């Protein structure tokens, strides 16, 4: 079971802290992207390298960048590295809406964390959409 969740900077520290507040109950620790990859504050060209790095660390990814699943190279990085990716349904969600997405779908998230990747889902306010890989 994956026990660490790599929280992308854009998701926000408040969401990371909220997840960690309840870690004793669900045994998943949220880790801040900047603490692992401080260089992410600079412009990047492609997410393949950090997707592979995080999957190699046996961590799942919580991002607000659904485009990872649309970009052929980034999607292939998820598949090839066996990553578990949870993408928020909109980059426009407020911090409260991001937290609502995570909390309202927590049981499904836990199920994903129990199985090896590749796996991906998009978390909307009222829908949990599994992504299938060929």
C-alpha atoms as a PDB file:
ATOM      1  CA  UNK A   1       0.000   0.000   0.000  1.00  0.00           C
ATOM      2  CA  UNK A   2       1.190   3.488  -0.851  1.00  0.00           C
ATOM      3  CA  UNK A   3       1.468   5.527   2.346  1.00  0.00           C
ATOM      4  CA  UNK A   4       2.755   8.838   0.989  1.00  0.00           C
ATOM      5  CA  UNK A   5       0.980  11.347  -1.203  1.00  0.00           C
ATOM      6  CA  UNK A   6       3.096  13.852  -3.140  1.00  0.00           C
ATOM      7  CA  UNK A   7       1.032  17.049  -3.102  1.00  0.00           C
ATOM      8  CA  UNK A   8       1.814  19.308  -6.044  1.00  0.00           C
ATOM      9  CA  UNK A   9       2.490  22.941  -5.153  1.00  0.00           C
ATOM     10  CA  UNK A  10      -0.603  24.106  -7.045  1.00  0.00           C
ATOM     11  CA  UNK A  11      -2.883  21.966  -4.874  1.00  0.00           C
ATOM     12  CA  UNK A  12      -1.855  23.999  -1.848  1.00  0.00           C
ATOM     13  CA  UNK A  13      -0.316  23.573   1.567  1.00  0.00           C
ATOM     14  CA  UNK A  14      -3.713  23.827   3.285  1.00  0.00           C
ATOM     15  CA  UNK A  15      -4.879  20.637   1.563  1.00  0.00           C
ATOM     16  CA  UNK A  16      -1.613  18.919   2.498  1.00  0.00           C
ATOM     17  CA  UNK A  17      -1.976  19.992   6.134  1.00  0.00           C
ATOM     18  CA  UNK A  18      -5.614  18.846   6.255  1.00  0.00           C
ATOM     19  CA  UNK A  19      -4.654  15.399   4.963  1.00  0.00           C
ATOM     20  CA  UNK A  20      -1.862  15.183   7.517  1.00  0.00           C
ATOM     21  CA  UNK A  21      -4.135  16.288  10.336  1.00  0.00           C
ATOM     22  CA  UNK A  22      -6.011  13.008   9.910  1.00  0.00           C
ATOM     23  CA  UNK A  23      -3.018  10.764   9.092  1.00  0.00           C
ATOM     24  CA  UNK A  24      -3.387   8.824  12.369  1.00  0.00           C
ATOM     25  CA  UNK A  25      -6.813   7.705  11.103  1.00  0.00           C
ATOM     26  CA  UNK A  26      -5.970   6.876   7.483  1.00  0.00           C
ATOM     27  CA  UNK A  27      -2.186   6.285   7.654  1.00  0.00           C
ATOM     28  CA  UNK A  28      -1.342   8.363   4.590  1.00  0.00           C
ATOM     29  CA  UNK A  29       1.222  11.134   4.901  1.00  0.00           C
ATOM     30  CA  UNK A  30       1.021  14.083   2.517  1.00  0.00           C
ATOM     31  CA  UNK A  31       4.398  15.441   1.411  1.00  0.00           C
ATOM     32  CA  UNK A  32       4.874  18.886  -0.114  1.00  0.00           C
ATOM     33  CA  UNK A  33       6.259  18.990  -3.662  1.00  0.00           C
ATOM     34  CA  UNK A  34       8.612  21.853  -2.863  1.00  0.00           C
ATOM     35  CA  UNK A  35      10.220  19.877  -0.029  1.00  0.00           C
ATOM     36  CA  UNK A  36      11.230  17.133  -2.473  1.00  0.00           C
ATOM     37  CA  UNK A  37      11.696  19.155  -5.665  1.00  0.00           C
ATOM     38  CA  UNK A  38      12.419  22.800  -4.762  1.00  0.00           C
ATOM     39  CA  UNK A  39      13.457  23.416  -8.373  1.00  0.00           C
ATOM     40  CA  UNK A  40       9.792  23.126  -9.352  1.00  0.00           C
ATOM     41  CA  UNK A  41       9.411  26.827  -8.581  1.00  0.00           C
ATOM     42  CA  UNK A  42      11.236  27.476 -11.855  1.00  0.00           C
ATOM     43  CA  UNK A  43       9.741  26.962 -15.313  1.00  0.00           C
ATOM     44  CA  UNK A  44       9.796  23.303 -16.264  1.00  0.00           C
ATOM     45  CA  UNK A  45       9.603  21.606 -19.638  1.00  0.00           C
ATOM     46  CA  UNK A  46       7.572  18.472 -19.158  1.00  0.00           C
ATOM     47  CA  UNK A  47       6.589  16.550 -16.067  1.00  0.00           C
ATOM     48  CA  UNK A  48       7.975  13.166 -17.099  1.00  0.00           C
ATOM     49  CA  UNK A  49      11.094  13.368 -14.920  1.00  0.00           C
ATOM     50  CA  UNK A  50       9.322  14.063 -11.628  1.00  0.00           C
ATOM     51  CA  UNK A  51       6.463  11.622 -12.323  1.00  0.00           C
ATOM     52  CA  UNK A  52       9.059   8.871 -12.726  1.00  0.00           C
ATOM     53  CA  UNK A  53      10.968  10.039  -9.654  1.00  0.00           C
ATOM     54  CA  UNK A  54       7.888  10.061  -7.404  1.00  0.00           C
ATOM     55  CA  UNK A  55       6.622   6.708  -8.679  1.00  0.00           C
ATOM     56  CA  UNK A  56      10.106   5.340  -7.989  1.00  0.00           C
ATOM     57  CA  UNK A  57       9.751   6.528  -4.397  1.00  0.00           C
ATOM     58  CA  UNK A  58       6.474   4.573  -4.083  1.00  0.00           C
ATOM     59  CA  UNK A  59       4.440   7.729  -3.590  1.00  0.00           C
ATOM     60  CA  UNK A  60       1.118   8.661  -5.215  1.00  0.00           C
ATOM     61  CA  UNK A  61       0.684  12.065  -6.857  1.00  0.00           C
ATOM     62  CA  UNK A  62      -2.046  14.598  -6.070  1.00  0.00           C
ATOM     63  CA  UNK A  63      -2.086  17.282  -8.752  1.00  0.00           C
ATOM     64  CA  UNK A  64      -4.420  19.875 -10.207  1.00  0.00           C
ATOM     65  CA  UNK A  65      -2.845  19.322 -13.628  1.00  0.00           C
ATOM     66  CA  UNK A  66      -5.259  17.046 -15.517  1.00  0.00           C
ATOM     67  CA  UNK A  67      -3.289  17.833 -18.670  1.00  0.00           C
ATOM     68  CA  UNK A  68      -0.727  15.244 -17.543  1.00  0.00           C
ATOM     69  CA  UNK A  69      -3.238  12.649 -18.707  1.00  0.00           C
ATOM     70  CA  UNK A  70      -3.718  14.365 -22.089  1.00  0.00           C
ATOM     71  CA  UNK A  71      -0.058  14.952 -22.932  1.00  0.00           C
ATOM     72  CA  UNK A  72       1.196  11.777 -24.669  1.00  0.00           C
ATOM     73  CA  UNK A  73       4.691  11.849 -23.110  1.00  0.00           C
ATOM     74  CA  UNK A  74       3.472  12.623 -19.589  1.00  0.00           C
ATOM     75  CA  UNK A  75       0.693  10.030 -19.798  1.00  0.00           C
ATOM     76  CA  UNK A  76       3.265   7.474 -20.967  1.00  0.00           C
ATOM     77  CA  UNK A  77       5.491   8.406 -18.017  1.00  0.00           C
ATOM     78  CA  UNK A  78       2.586   7.549 -15.679  1.00  0.00           C
ATOM     79  CA  UNK A  79       2.159   4.195 -17.417  1.00  0.00           C
ATOM     80  CA  UNK A  80       5.852   3.308 -17.715  1.00  0.00           C
ATOM     81  CA  UNK A  81       6.681   4.232 -14.120  1.00  0.00           C
ATOM     82  CA  UNK A  82       3.587   2.585 -12.633  1.00  0.00           C
ATOM     83  CA  UNK A  83       2.533   5.878 -11.049  1.00  0.00           C
ATOM     84  CA  UNK A  84      -0.683   6.416  -9.128  1.00  0.00           C
ATOM     85  CA  UNK A  85      -2.018   9.826 -10.140  1.00  0.00           C
ATOM     86  CA  UNK A  86      -4.948  11.704  -8.613  1.00  0.00           C
ATOM     87  CA  UNK A  87      -5.836  14.813 -10.594  1.00  0.00           C
ATOM     88  CA  UNK A  88      -8.280  17.428  -9.396  1.00  0.00           C
ATOM     89  CA  UNK A  89     -10.957  18.089 -12.002  1.00  0.00           C
ATOM     90  CA  UNK A  90     -10.256  21.804 -12.354  1.00  0.00           C
ATOM     91  CA  UNK A  91      -7.339  24.132 -11.854  1.00  0.00           C
ATOM     92  CA  UNK A  92      -9.938  26.744 -10.927  1.00  0.00           C
ATOM     93  CA  UNK A  93     -11.110  25.016  -7.761  1.00  0.00           C
ATOM     94  CA  UNK A  94     -10.755  27.028  -4.586  1.00  0.00           C
ATOM     95  CA  UNK A  95      -8.764  25.510  -1.746  1.00  0.00           C
ATOM     96  CA  UNK A  96     -12.034  24.507  -0.089  1.00  0.00           C
ATOM     97  CA  UNK A  97     -13.239  22.776  -3.268  1.00  0.00           C
ATOM     98  CA  UNK A  98      -9.908  20.937  -3.597  1.00  0.00           C
ATOM     99  CA  UNK A  99     -10.233  19.665  -0.040  1.00  0.00           C
ATOM    100  CA  UNK A 100     -13.857  18.658  -0.671  1.00  0.00           C
ATOM    101  CA  UNK A 101     -12.753  16.625  -3.710  1.00  0.00           C
ATOM    102  CA  UNK A 102     -10.146  14.760  -1.716  1.00  0.00           C
ATOM    103  CA  UNK A 103     -12.315  14.138   1.337  1.00  0.00           C
ATOM    104  CA  UNK A 104     -15.486  13.168  -0.519  1.00  0.00           C
ATOM    105  CA  UNK A 105     -13.589  10.605  -2.589  1.00  0.00           C
ATOM    106  CA  UNK A 106     -11.245   9.379   0.163  1.00  0.00           C
ATOM    107  CA  UNK A 107     -12.532   5.773   0.198  1.00  0.00           C
ATOM    108  CA  UNK A 108     -11.889   5.449  -3.551  1.00  0.00           C
ATOM    109  CA  UNK A 109      -8.477   7.069  -3.133  1.00  0.00           C
ATOM    110  CA  UNK A 110      -7.586   4.546  -0.432  1.00  0.00           C
ATOM    111  CA  UNK A 111      -8.589   1.708  -2.757  1.00  0.00           C
ATOM    112  CA  UNK A 112      -6.274   3.083  -5.437  1.00  0.00           C
ATOM    113  CA  UNK A 113      -3.418   3.337  -2.942  1.00  0.00           C
ATOM    114  CA  UNK A 114      -3.771  -0.384  -2.132  1.00  0.00           C
ATOM    115  CA  UNK A 115      -2.964  -1.505  -5.682  1.00  0.00           C
ATOM    116  CA  UNK A 116       0.130  -1.024  -7.795  1.00  0.00           C
ATOM    117  CA  UNK A 117       0.018   1.445 -10.660  1.00  0.00           C
ATOM    118  CA  UNK A 118      -0.294   2.569 -13.227  1.00  0.00           C
ATOM    119  CA  UNK A 119      -3.556   4.059 -12.069  1.00  0.00           C
ATOM    120  CA  UNK A 120      -5.171   7.442 -12.438  1.00  0.00           C
ATOM    121  CA  UNK A 121      -8.378   9.192 -11.488  1.00  0.00           C
ATOM    122  CA  UNK A 122      -9.830  12.637 -11.937  1.00  0.00           C
ATOM    123  CA  UNK A 123     -11.528  14.040  -8.848  1.00  0.00           C
ATOM    124  CA  UNK A 124     -14.468  16.301  -9.522  1.00  0.00           C
ATOM    125  CA  UNK A 125     -16.708  17.805  -6.871  1.00  0.00           C
ATOM    126  CA  UNK A 126     -19.455  15.285  -7.606  1.00  0.00           C
ATOM    127  CA  UNK A 127     -17.677  12.578  -9.609  1.00  0.00           C
ATOM    128  CA  UNK A 128     -14.701  10.236  -9.311  1.00  0.00           C
ATOM    129  CA  UNK A 129     -13.578   9.299 -12.811  1.00  0.00           C
ATOM    130  CA  UNK A 130     -11.154   6.397 -13.203  1.00  0.00           C
ATOM    131  CA  UNK A 131      -8.804   6.733 -16.152  1.00  0.00           C
ATOM    132  CA  UNK A 132      -8.153   3.619 -18.171  1.00  0.00           C
ATOM    133  CA  UNK A 133      -4.853   2.866 -19.792  1.00  0.00           C
ATOM    134  CA  UNK A 134      -4.513   0.765 -22.940  1.00  0.00           C
END
